[in-house]
Amino acid sequence: MQRVKHGDKVEIIAGKDKGQRGLVVGVFPKENRVTVQNLNMLKKHQKARQAGRQQVPAQIIDFEGKMDLSNVMPICPKCDKAVRVGFRVRESDGFKVRVCRSCNSDIE
């Protein structure tokens, strides 16, 4: 089970966007990286090119770059803090769930 999932609200704890919060829009577990909405913005310069019959002009594209998973912490919905994540198996239905380490509540 992953500690950070798509759609989680996270806080950046290191790097140029330290202290900012955003939603996870992409998780890449094999690379150990995540993409956070509107954070870690990068620029890509593209040459003018021919796309079929249309001419696409040269442009500069802004996009979210991948960042290391260790640089983000999930935010607990109950205590609204960046927290470490633990795991627990619910006795009622036997599912494994993520748990906030500070307030011991489930993170959905």
C-alpha atoms as a PDB file:
ATOM      1  CA  MET A   1       0.000   0.000   0.000  1.00  0.00           C
ATOM      2  CA  GLN A   2       1.259   3.463  -0.867  1.00  0.00           C
ATOM      3  CA  ARG A   3       1.737   6.235   1.657  1.00  0.00           C
ATOM      4  CA  VAL A   4       0.723   8.920  -0.865  1.00  0.00           C
ATOM      5  CA  LYS A   5      -2.032   8.343  -3.424  1.00  0.00           C
ATOM      6  CA  HIS A   6      -3.529  10.239  -6.359  1.00  0.00           C
ATOM      7  CA  GLY A   7      -5.885  12.948  -5.043  1.00  0.00           C
ATOM      8  CA  ASP A   8      -4.222  13.306  -1.623  1.00  0.00           C
ATOM      9  CA  LYS A   9      -3.547  16.771  -0.241  1.00  0.00           C
ATOM     10  CA  VAL A  10       0.172  17.066   0.560  1.00  0.00           C
ATOM     11  CA  GLU A  11       2.624  19.631   1.911  1.00  0.00           C
ATOM     12  CA  ILE A  12       6.056  20.162   0.385  1.00  0.00           C
ATOM     13  CA  ILE A  13       8.753  19.829   3.064  1.00  0.00           C
ATOM     14  CA  ALA A  14      11.873  20.485   0.961  1.00  0.00           C
ATOM     15  CA  GLY A  15      12.868  22.385  -2.164  1.00  0.00           C
ATOM     16  CA  LYS A  16      11.877  25.660  -3.778  1.00  0.00           C
ATOM     17  CA  ASP A  17       8.155  25.272  -2.911  1.00  0.00           C
ATOM     18  CA  LYS A  18       8.722  24.344   0.751  1.00  0.00           C
ATOM     19  CA  GLY A  19       5.673  24.937   2.954  1.00  0.00           C
ATOM     20  CA  GLN A  20       3.128  25.036   0.117  1.00  0.00           C
ATOM     21  CA  ARG A  21       0.205  22.626  -0.174  1.00  0.00           C
ATOM     22  CA  GLY A  22      -1.381  21.021  -3.203  1.00  0.00           C
ATOM     23  CA  LEU A  23      -3.151  17.976  -4.617  1.00  0.00           C
ATOM     24  CA  VAL A  24      -1.284  14.967  -5.983  1.00  0.00           C
ATOM     25  CA  VAL A  25      -2.053  14.570  -9.700  1.00  0.00           C
ATOM     26  CA  GLY A  26       0.391  11.773 -10.452  1.00  0.00           C
ATOM     27  CA  VAL A  27       2.189   9.007  -8.546  1.00  0.00           C
ATOM     28  CA  PHE A  28       5.119   7.101 -10.043  1.00  0.00           C
ATOM     29  CA  PRO A  29       5.984   4.313  -7.552  1.00  0.00           C
ATOM     30  CA  LYS A  30       8.735   2.716  -9.658  1.00  0.00           C
ATOM     31  CA  GLU A  31      10.568   6.060  -9.833  1.00  0.00           C
ATOM     32  CA  ASN A  32       9.618   6.997  -6.225  1.00  0.00           C
ATOM     33  CA  ARG A  33       8.257  10.340  -7.459  1.00  0.00           C
ATOM     34  CA  VAL A  34       5.021  12.361  -7.399  1.00  0.00           C
ATOM     35  CA  THR A  35       3.550  15.301  -9.309  1.00  0.00           C
ATOM     36  CA  VAL A  36       1.733  17.998  -7.331  1.00  0.00           C
ATOM     37  CA  GLN A  37      -0.806  20.354  -8.940  1.00  0.00           C
ATOM     38  CA  ASN A  38       0.584  23.865  -9.648  1.00  0.00           C
ATOM     39  CA  LEU A  39       3.822  23.229  -7.708  1.00  0.00           C
ATOM     40  CA  ASN A  40       7.386  22.595  -8.943  1.00  0.00           C
ATOM     41  CA  MET A  41       6.514  24.360 -12.208  1.00  0.00           C
ATOM     42  CA  LEU A  42       9.074  23.920 -14.993  1.00  0.00           C
ATOM     43  CA  LYS A  43       9.393  25.515 -18.431  1.00  0.00           C
ATOM     44  CA  LYS A  44       9.969  23.684 -21.695  1.00  0.00           C
ATOM     45  CA  HIS A  45      10.956  25.503 -24.878  1.00  0.00           C
ATOM     46  CA  GLN A  46       9.516  23.976 -28.049  1.00  0.00           C
ATOM     47  CA  LYS A  47      10.615  24.664 -31.604  1.00  0.00           C
ATOM     48  CA  ALA A  48       8.178  25.583 -34.344  1.00  0.00           C
ATOM     49  CA  ARG A  49       7.034  22.438 -36.104  1.00  0.00           C
ATOM     50  CA  GLN A  50       4.729  21.114 -38.764  1.00  0.00           C
ATOM     51  CA  ALA A  51       1.803  19.046 -37.420  1.00  0.00           C
ATOM     52  CA  GLY A  52       0.050  17.672 -40.486  1.00  0.00           C
ATOM     53  CA  ARG A  53      -1.044  20.689 -42.541  1.00  0.00           C
ATOM     54  CA  GLN A  54      -0.927  23.107 -39.627  1.00  0.00           C
ATOM     55  CA  GLN A  55       2.122  25.065 -38.554  1.00  0.00           C
ATOM     56  CA  VAL A  56       2.598  25.058 -34.752  1.00  0.00           C
ATOM     57  CA  PRO A  57       4.551  28.141 -33.603  1.00  0.00           C
ATOM     58  CA  ALA A  58       7.466  28.088 -31.203  1.00  0.00           C
ATOM     59  CA  GLN A  59       6.298  28.346 -27.603  1.00  0.00           C
ATOM     60  CA  ILE A  60       7.250  28.009 -23.960  1.00  0.00           C
ATOM     61  CA  ILE A  61       5.179  25.454 -22.049  1.00  0.00           C
ATOM     62  CA  ASP A  62       4.759  25.470 -18.247  1.00  0.00           C
ATOM     63  CA  PHE A  63       4.214  22.061 -16.627  1.00  0.00           C
ATOM     64  CA  GLU A  64       4.434  20.395 -13.218  1.00  0.00           C
ATOM     65  CA  GLY A  65       7.679  18.548 -12.717  1.00  0.00           C
ATOM     66  CA  LYS A  66       8.066  15.306 -10.809  1.00  0.00           C
ATOM     67  CA  MET A  67       9.476  15.552  -7.294  1.00  0.00           C
ATOM     68  CA  ASP A  68      10.843  12.941  -4.955  1.00  0.00           C
ATOM     69  CA  LEU A  69       8.338  11.245  -2.688  1.00  0.00           C
ATOM     70  CA  SER A  70      10.476  12.005   0.363  1.00  0.00           C
ATOM     71  CA  ASN A  71       9.923  15.746  -0.189  1.00  0.00           C
ATOM     72  CA  VAL A  72       6.156  15.586   0.434  1.00  0.00           C
ATOM     73  CA  MET A  73       4.045  14.671   3.463  1.00  0.00           C
ATOM     74  CA  PRO A  74       0.314  13.898   3.371  1.00  0.00           C
ATOM     75  CA  ILE A  75      -2.029  16.184   5.304  1.00  0.00           C
ATOM     76  CA  CYS A  76      -4.365  14.566   7.825  1.00  0.00           C
ATOM     77  CA  PRO A  77      -7.975  15.663   7.170  1.00  0.00           C
ATOM     78  CA  LYS A  78      -8.795  15.597  10.895  1.00  0.00           C
ATOM     79  CA  CYS A  79      -5.863  17.495  12.465  1.00  0.00           C
ATOM     80  CA  ASP A  80      -4.934  19.479   9.276  1.00  0.00           C
ATOM     81  CA  LYS A  81      -1.175  18.947   9.743  1.00  0.00           C
ATOM     82  CA  ALA A  82       1.502  17.327   7.605  1.00  0.00           C
ATOM     83  CA  VAL A  83       1.905  13.905   9.212  1.00  0.00           C
ATOM     84  CA  ARG A  84       3.727  10.633   8.945  1.00  0.00           C
ATOM     85  CA  VAL A  85       1.634   7.708   7.763  1.00  0.00           C
ATOM     86  CA  GLY A  86       1.160   4.372   9.481  1.00  0.00           C
ATOM     87  CA  PHE A  87      -0.900   1.344   8.514  1.00  0.00           C
ATOM     88  CA  ARG A  88      -3.533  -0.668  10.357  1.00  0.00           C
ATOM     89  CA  VAL A  89      -5.868  -3.519   9.497  1.00  0.00           C
ATOM     90  CA  ARG A  90      -9.467  -2.694  10.399  1.00  0.00           C
ATOM     91  CA  GLU A  91     -11.011  -5.403  12.532  1.00  0.00           C
ATOM     92  CA  SER A  92     -14.534  -4.722  11.261  1.00  0.00           C
ATOM     93  CA  ASP A  93     -13.880  -5.577   7.602  1.00  0.00           C
ATOM     94  CA  GLY A  94     -10.214  -6.645   7.437  1.00  0.00           C
ATOM     95  CA  PHE A  95      -9.085  -3.848   5.091  1.00  0.00           C
ATOM     96  CA  LYS A  96      -5.658  -2.278   5.423  1.00  0.00           C
ATOM     97  CA  VAL A  97      -5.958   1.510   5.888  1.00  0.00           C
ATOM     98  CA  ARG A  98      -3.579   4.440   6.209  1.00  0.00           C
ATOM     99  CA  VAL A  99      -3.439   6.034   9.668  1.00  0.00           C
ATOM    100  CA  CYS A 100      -2.289   9.463  10.900  1.00  0.00           C
ATOM    101  CA  ARG A 101       0.566   8.947  13.339  1.00  0.00           C
ATOM    102  CA  SER A 102      -0.253  12.049  15.420  1.00  0.00           C
ATOM    103  CA  CYS A 103      -4.030  11.761  15.968  1.00  0.00           C
ATOM    104  CA  ASN A 104      -4.434   8.046  15.093  1.00  0.00           C
ATOM    105  CA  SER A 105      -7.368   8.634  12.699  1.00  0.00           C
ATOM    106  CA  ASP A 106      -7.881   6.977   9.314  1.00  0.00           C
ATOM    107  CA  ILE A 107      -6.700   8.803   6.185  1.00  0.00           C
ATOM    108  CA  GLU A 108      -9.132   8.128   3.341  1.00  0.00           C
END
